[in-house]
């Protein structure tokens, strides 16, 4: 049941309908769930995913937290690989405090230096 919104959202992200945050990384679930992320939490989550990806090694992790909202999470790189000559990583993000669904998505480094979801 949850796959349909993910597929629709992924299609919108890949089509460029959703703006990137921070260094261009798109946070696909910032507006989904029982309590959407605010802008600060979304930027913190995006920053953690980007920091983990920048290490370019499986097992790299980065955490974020926001005492004002009571939310926190951790991004973990599960796998690194090359796709069409680009550095890529499969990342799992899980909330460690507050509401939110865990998810795993593939990201690839773009020529402009941003990390984007790339299936």
N, C-alpha and C. Protein backbone atom coordinates (compact mmCIF):
# COMPACT_ATOMS: atom_id res chain seq x y z
N UNK A 1 0.81 -1.19 0.00
CA UNK A 1 0.00 0.00 0.00
C UNK A 1 0.86 1.27 0.00
N UNK A 2 2.00 1.26 0.65
CA UNK A 2 2.85 2.43 0.72
C UNK A 2 3.70 2.59 -0.53
N UNK A 3 3.76 1.58 -1.38
CA UNK A 3 4.63 1.65 -2.56
C UNK A 3 4.11 2.64 -3.58
N UNK A 4 2.81 2.77 -3.73
CA UNK A 4 2.26 3.68 -4.74
C UNK A 4 2.69 5.12 -4.49
N UNK A 5 2.53 5.67 -3.26
CA UNK A 5 3.00 7.04 -3.06
C UNK A 5 4.50 7.17 -3.31
N UNK A 6 5.28 6.17 -2.92
CA UNK A 6 6.72 6.20 -3.14
C UNK A 6 7.03 6.25 -4.63
N UNK A 7 6.35 5.42 -5.42
CA UNK A 7 6.60 5.40 -6.85
C UNK A 7 6.19 6.71 -7.49
N UNK A 8 5.04 7.25 -7.08
CA UNK A 8 4.59 8.53 -7.63
C UNK A 8 5.56 9.64 -7.24
N UNK A 9 6.00 9.63 -5.99
CA UNK A 9 6.93 10.64 -5.53
C UNK A 9 8.27 10.51 -6.23
N UNK A 10 8.75 9.29 -6.37
CA UNK A 10 10.02 9.07 -7.06
C UNK A 10 9.93 9.58 -8.50
N UNK A 11 8.82 9.34 -9.15
CA UNK A 11 8.65 9.82 -10.52
C UNK A 11 8.67 11.34 -10.56
N UNK A 12 8.02 11.98 -9.59
CA UNK A 12 8.02 13.44 -9.53
C UNK A 12 9.42 13.98 -9.27
N UNK A 13 10.16 13.32 -8.37
CA UNK A 13 11.52 13.75 -8.05
C UNK A 13 12.40 13.60 -9.28
N UNK A 14 12.31 12.46 -9.95
CA UNK A 14 13.15 12.22 -11.11
C UNK A 14 12.79 13.16 -12.25
N UNK A 15 11.54 13.59 -12.29
CA UNK A 15 11.11 14.52 -13.34
C UNK A 15 11.46 15.96 -13.00
N UNK A 16 11.97 16.17 -11.78
CA UNK A 16 12.39 17.51 -11.38
C UNK A 16 11.28 18.33 -10.76
N UNK A 17 10.18 17.70 -10.36
CA UNK A 17 9.07 18.45 -9.79
C UNK A 17 9.32 18.87 -8.36
N UNK A 18 10.29 18.27 -7.70
CA UNK A 18 10.56 18.60 -6.31
C UNK A 18 11.92 19.27 -6.21
N UNK A 19 11.98 20.44 -5.57
CA UNK A 19 13.27 21.12 -5.47
C UNK A 19 14.20 20.42 -4.51
N UNK A 20 15.49 20.52 -4.76
CA UNK A 20 16.48 19.94 -3.87
C UNK A 20 16.74 20.84 -2.69
N UNK A 21 17.35 20.28 -1.65
CA UNK A 21 17.73 21.05 -0.48
C UNK A 21 19.22 20.95 -0.30
N UNK A 22 19.78 21.89 0.41
CA UNK A 22 21.20 21.83 0.73
C UNK A 22 22.04 21.78 -0.53
N UNK A 23 22.81 20.70 -0.67
CA UNK A 23 23.70 20.57 -1.82
C UNK A 23 22.99 19.95 -3.02
N UNK A 24 21.66 20.02 -3.05
CA UNK A 24 20.94 19.48 -4.19
C UNK A 24 20.32 18.13 -3.91
N UNK A 25 20.54 17.59 -2.72
CA UNK A 25 19.96 16.30 -2.37
C UNK A 25 18.47 16.48 -2.15
N UNK A 26 17.68 15.62 -2.73
CA UNK A 26 16.24 15.69 -2.58
C UNK A 26 15.82 14.80 -1.43
N UNK A 27 15.06 15.33 -0.49
CA UNK A 27 14.51 14.56 0.62
C UNK A 27 13.11 14.15 0.22
N UNK A 28 12.91 12.92 -0.24
CA UNK A 28 11.64 12.52 -0.83
C UNK A 28 10.49 12.37 0.15
N UNK A 29 10.76 12.26 1.43
CA UNK A 29 9.67 12.00 2.36
C UNK A 29 9.43 13.14 3.33
N UNK A 30 9.90 14.31 3.01
CA UNK A 30 9.77 15.43 3.93
C UNK A 30 8.31 15.84 4.15
N UNK A 31 7.44 15.50 3.25
CA UNK A 31 6.04 15.91 3.39
C UNK A 31 5.11 14.72 3.61
N UNK A 32 5.67 13.56 3.90
CA UNK A 32 4.85 12.37 4.07
C UNK A 32 4.89 11.89 5.50
N UNK A 33 3.87 11.14 5.88
CA UNK A 33 3.81 10.61 7.23
C UNK A 33 2.79 11.36 8.05
N UNK A 34 2.60 10.91 9.29
CA UNK A 34 1.60 11.49 10.16
C UNK A 34 1.93 12.94 10.49
N UNK A 35 3.21 13.25 10.63
CA UNK A 35 3.63 14.60 10.97
C UNK A 35 4.77 15.00 10.02
N UNK A 36 4.48 15.82 9.03
CA UNK A 36 5.52 16.20 8.06
C UNK A 36 6.70 16.88 8.74
N UNK A 37 7.87 16.76 8.12
CA UNK A 37 9.05 17.44 8.62
C UNK A 37 8.93 18.94 8.36
N UNK A 38 9.41 19.73 9.30
CA UNK A 38 9.48 21.16 9.02
C UNK A 38 10.75 21.43 8.22
N UNK A 39 10.96 22.66 7.80
CA UNK A 39 12.11 22.98 6.95
C UNK A 39 13.44 22.68 7.65
N UNK A 40 13.53 22.98 8.94
CA UNK A 40 14.77 22.73 9.67
C UNK A 40 15.08 21.25 9.73
N UNK A 41 14.10 20.44 10.10
CA UNK A 41 14.32 18.99 10.17
C UNK A 41 14.66 18.42 8.80
N UNK A 42 14.01 18.91 7.77
CA UNK A 42 14.27 18.44 6.41
C UNK A 42 15.72 18.74 6.02
N UNK A 43 16.19 19.94 6.34
CA UNK A 43 17.58 20.31 6.03
C UNK A 43 18.57 19.48 6.84
N UNK A 44 18.24 19.21 8.11
CA UNK A 44 19.12 18.38 8.93
C UNK A 44 19.21 16.96 8.40
N UNK A 45 18.06 16.39 8.04
CA UNK A 45 18.03 15.03 7.49
C UNK A 45 18.83 14.98 6.19
N UNK A 46 18.59 15.95 5.31
CA UNK A 46 19.29 16.01 4.03
C UNK A 46 20.79 16.12 4.24
N UNK A 47 21.19 16.93 5.19
CA UNK A 47 22.61 17.09 5.49
C UNK A 47 23.24 15.80 5.97
N UNK A 48 22.52 15.04 6.79
CA UNK A 48 23.04 13.76 7.28
C UNK A 48 23.20 12.77 6.14
N UNK A 49 22.22 12.69 5.27
CA UNK A 49 22.32 11.76 4.13
C UNK A 49 23.50 12.16 3.24
N UNK A 50 23.65 13.44 2.99
CA UNK A 50 24.76 13.92 2.16
C UNK A 50 26.11 13.60 2.81
N UNK A 51 26.24 13.87 4.11
CA UNK A 51 27.51 13.59 4.81
C UNK A 51 27.87 12.11 4.74
N UNK A 52 26.89 11.25 4.92
CA UNK A 52 27.15 9.80 4.85
C UNK A 52 27.59 9.41 3.43
N UNK A 53 26.90 9.92 2.42
CA UNK A 53 27.26 9.61 1.03
C UNK A 53 28.65 10.11 0.67
N UNK A 54 29.02 11.28 1.19
CA UNK A 54 30.31 11.87 0.84
C UNK A 54 31.49 11.02 1.31
N UNK A 55 31.28 10.15 2.29
CA UNK A 55 32.35 9.25 2.73
C UNK A 55 32.64 8.16 1.71
N UNK A 56 31.65 7.88 0.85
CA UNK A 56 31.79 6.91 -0.23
C UNK A 56 32.28 5.55 0.25
N UNK A 57 31.70 5.09 1.38
CA UNK A 57 32.02 3.74 1.86
C UNK A 57 30.82 3.15 2.59
N UNK A 58 30.64 1.85 2.38
CA UNK A 58 29.56 1.15 3.07
C UNK A 58 29.81 1.22 4.57
N UNK A 59 28.75 1.42 5.31
CA UNK A 59 28.85 1.53 6.76
C UNK A 59 28.96 2.95 7.26
N UNK A 60 29.22 3.91 6.36
CA UNK A 60 29.30 5.31 6.78
C UNK A 60 27.95 5.74 7.33
N UNK A 61 27.96 6.45 8.43
CA UNK A 61 26.71 6.93 9.04
C UNK A 61 26.84 8.40 9.39
N UNK A 62 25.71 9.05 9.45
CA UNK A 62 25.63 10.43 9.90
C UNK A 62 24.27 10.60 10.57
N UNK A 63 24.28 11.31 11.67
CA UNK A 63 23.05 11.51 12.45
C UNK A 63 22.65 12.98 12.45
N UNK A 64 21.40 13.21 12.78
CA UNK A 64 20.89 14.56 12.93
C UNK A 64 19.88 14.56 14.07
N UNK A 65 19.66 15.72 14.68
CA UNK A 65 18.62 15.82 15.70
C UNK A 65 18.19 17.27 15.83
N UNK A 66 16.96 17.44 16.26
CA UNK A 66 16.39 18.76 16.46
C UNK A 66 15.62 18.73 17.78
N UNK A 67 16.21 19.32 18.80
CA UNK A 67 15.56 19.33 20.11
C UNK A 67 14.25 20.11 20.10
N UNK A 68 14.13 21.08 19.21
CA UNK A 68 12.91 21.88 19.14
C UNK A 68 11.71 21.05 18.72
N UNK A 69 11.91 20.07 17.83
CA UNK A 69 10.79 19.26 17.35
C UNK A 69 10.78 17.86 17.98
N UNK A 70 11.89 17.49 18.61
CA UNK A 70 11.96 16.16 19.21
C UNK A 70 12.21 15.05 18.21
N UNK A 71 12.66 15.41 17.03
CA UNK A 71 12.94 14.40 16.00
C UNK A 71 14.44 14.24 15.80
N UNK A 72 14.82 13.03 15.40
CA UNK A 72 16.21 12.73 15.10
C UNK A 72 16.25 11.54 14.16
N UNK A 73 17.37 11.36 13.49
CA UNK A 73 17.50 10.23 12.58
C UNK A 73 18.94 9.92 12.29
N UNK A 74 19.12 8.82 11.59
CA UNK A 74 20.46 8.39 11.20
C UNK A 74 20.41 7.85 9.77
N UNK A 75 21.38 8.29 8.97
CA UNK A 75 21.54 7.81 7.60
C UNK A 75 22.73 6.87 7.57
N UNK A 76 22.55 5.72 6.94
CA UNK A 76 23.62 4.73 6.83
C UNK A 76 23.76 4.29 5.38
N UNK A 77 25.00 4.33 4.89
CA UNK A 77 25.27 3.86 3.53
C UNK A 77 25.38 2.34 3.59
N UNK A 78 24.50 1.66 2.89
CA UNK A 78 24.49 0.20 2.89
C UNK A 78 25.40 -0.39 1.83
N UNK A 79 25.54 0.32 0.72
CA UNK A 79 26.31 -0.20 -0.42
C UNK A 79 26.80 0.98 -1.24
N UNK A 80 28.00 0.88 -1.77
CA UNK A 80 28.51 1.87 -2.73
C UNK A 80 28.77 1.16 -4.05
N UNK A 81 28.57 1.87 -5.14
CA UNK A 81 28.74 1.28 -6.46
C UNK A 81 28.86 2.38 -7.49
N UNK A 82 29.19 2.01 -8.71
CA UNK A 82 29.26 2.93 -9.85
C UNK A 82 28.09 2.63 -10.78
N UNK A 83 27.50 3.68 -11.31
CA UNK A 83 26.44 3.52 -12.31
C UNK A 83 26.67 4.58 -13.38
N UNK A 84 26.87 4.13 -14.59
CA UNK A 84 27.13 5.04 -15.71
C UNK A 84 28.28 6.00 -15.39
N UNK A 85 29.29 5.50 -14.70
CA UNK A 85 30.46 6.30 -14.37
C UNK A 85 30.32 7.21 -13.17
N UNK A 86 29.18 7.18 -12.51
CA UNK A 86 28.94 8.05 -11.34
C UNK A 86 29.06 7.25 -10.04
N UNK A 87 29.55 7.93 -8.99
CA UNK A 87 29.54 7.32 -7.66
C UNK A 87 28.12 7.27 -7.16
N UNK A 88 27.73 6.11 -6.61
CA UNK A 88 26.37 5.94 -6.10
C UNK A 88 26.42 5.24 -4.76
N UNK A 89 25.34 5.37 -4.02
CA UNK A 89 25.23 4.68 -2.75
C UNK A 89 23.79 4.40 -2.40
N UNK A 90 23.56 3.24 -1.82
CA UNK A 90 22.24 2.89 -1.32
C UNK A 90 22.22 3.31 0.15
N UNK A 91 21.28 4.17 0.51
CA UNK A 91 21.23 4.76 1.85
C UNK A 91 19.93 4.37 2.54
N UNK A 92 20.08 3.98 3.80
CA UNK A 92 18.91 3.74 4.66
C UNK A 92 18.85 4.87 5.66
N UNK A 93 17.70 5.51 5.74
CA UNK A 93 17.48 6.53 6.77
C UNK A 93 16.41 6.01 7.73
N UNK A 94 16.71 6.08 9.01
CA UNK A 94 15.75 5.66 10.03
C UNK A 94 15.65 6.76 11.08
N UNK A 95 14.44 6.99 11.55
CA UNK A 95 14.24 7.95 12.63
C UNK A 95 14.62 7.30 13.94
N UNK A 96 15.37 8.02 14.75
CA UNK A 96 15.78 7.50 16.06
C UNK A 96 14.99 8.16 17.18
N UNK A 97 14.27 9.23 16.86
CA UNK A 97 13.40 9.91 17.79
C UNK A 97 12.28 10.57 17.01
N UNK A 98 11.05 10.49 17.50
CA UNK A 98 9.92 11.10 16.82
C UNK A 98 9.37 10.20 15.73
N UNK A 99 8.30 10.68 15.11
CA UNK A 99 7.62 9.92 14.07
C UNK A 99 8.39 9.90 12.77
N UNK A 100 8.17 8.85 11.99
CA UNK A 100 8.73 8.80 10.65
C UNK A 100 9.00 7.38 10.20
N UNK A 101 8.83 7.15 8.92
CA UNK A 101 9.08 5.84 8.32
C UNK A 101 10.55 5.72 7.94
N UNK A 102 11.11 4.55 8.15
CA UNK A 102 12.45 4.26 7.64
C UNK A 102 12.34 3.99 6.14
N UNK A 103 13.36 4.32 5.39
CA UNK A 103 13.36 4.04 3.97
C UNK A 103 14.79 3.82 3.48
N UNK A 104 14.90 3.14 2.35
CA UNK A 104 16.18 2.91 1.69
C UNK A 104 16.04 3.34 0.24
N UNK A 105 16.98 4.17 -0.21
CA UNK A 105 16.93 4.69 -1.57
C UNK A 105 18.33 4.75 -2.17
N UNK A 106 18.43 4.61 -3.49
CA UNK A 106 19.72 4.76 -4.18
C UNK A 106 19.94 6.22 -4.59
N UNK A 107 21.12 6.74 -4.31
CA UNK A 107 21.49 8.09 -4.70
C UNK A 107 22.74 8.03 -5.55
N UNK A 108 22.84 8.89 -6.56
CA UNK A 108 24.05 8.99 -7.38
C UNK A 108 24.51 10.43 -7.44
N UNK A 109 25.83 10.59 -7.47
CA UNK A 109 26.44 11.91 -7.56
C UNK A 109 26.28 12.44 -8.97
N UNK A 110 25.76 13.65 -9.08
CA UNK A 110 25.53 14.28 -10.37
C UNK A 110 26.74 15.12 -10.76
N UNK A 111 26.83 15.49 -12.01
CA UNK A 111 27.95 16.30 -12.50
C UNK A 111 28.04 17.65 -11.79
N UNK A 112 26.90 18.15 -11.31
CA UNK A 112 26.92 19.44 -10.62
C UNK A 112 27.30 19.32 -9.15
N UNK A 113 27.63 18.09 -8.70
CA UNK A 113 28.05 17.87 -7.32
C UNK A 113 26.93 17.53 -6.36
N UNK A 114 25.70 17.47 -6.83
CA UNK A 114 24.57 17.13 -5.98
C UNK A 114 24.32 15.62 -6.01
N UNK A 115 23.71 15.12 -4.95
CA UNK A 115 23.30 13.72 -4.86
C UNK A 115 21.81 13.66 -5.15
N UNK A 116 21.41 12.81 -6.09
CA UNK A 116 19.99 12.69 -6.44
C UNK A 116 19.58 11.24 -6.42
N UNK A 117 18.31 11.01 -6.18
CA UNK A 117 17.75 9.67 -6.23
C UNK A 117 17.90 9.18 -7.67
N UNK A 118 18.46 7.98 -7.83
CA UNK A 118 18.63 7.45 -9.18
C UNK A 118 18.45 5.94 -9.14
N UNK A 119 17.36 5.49 -9.76
CA UNK A 119 17.05 4.06 -9.80
C UNK A 119 17.75 3.41 -10.95
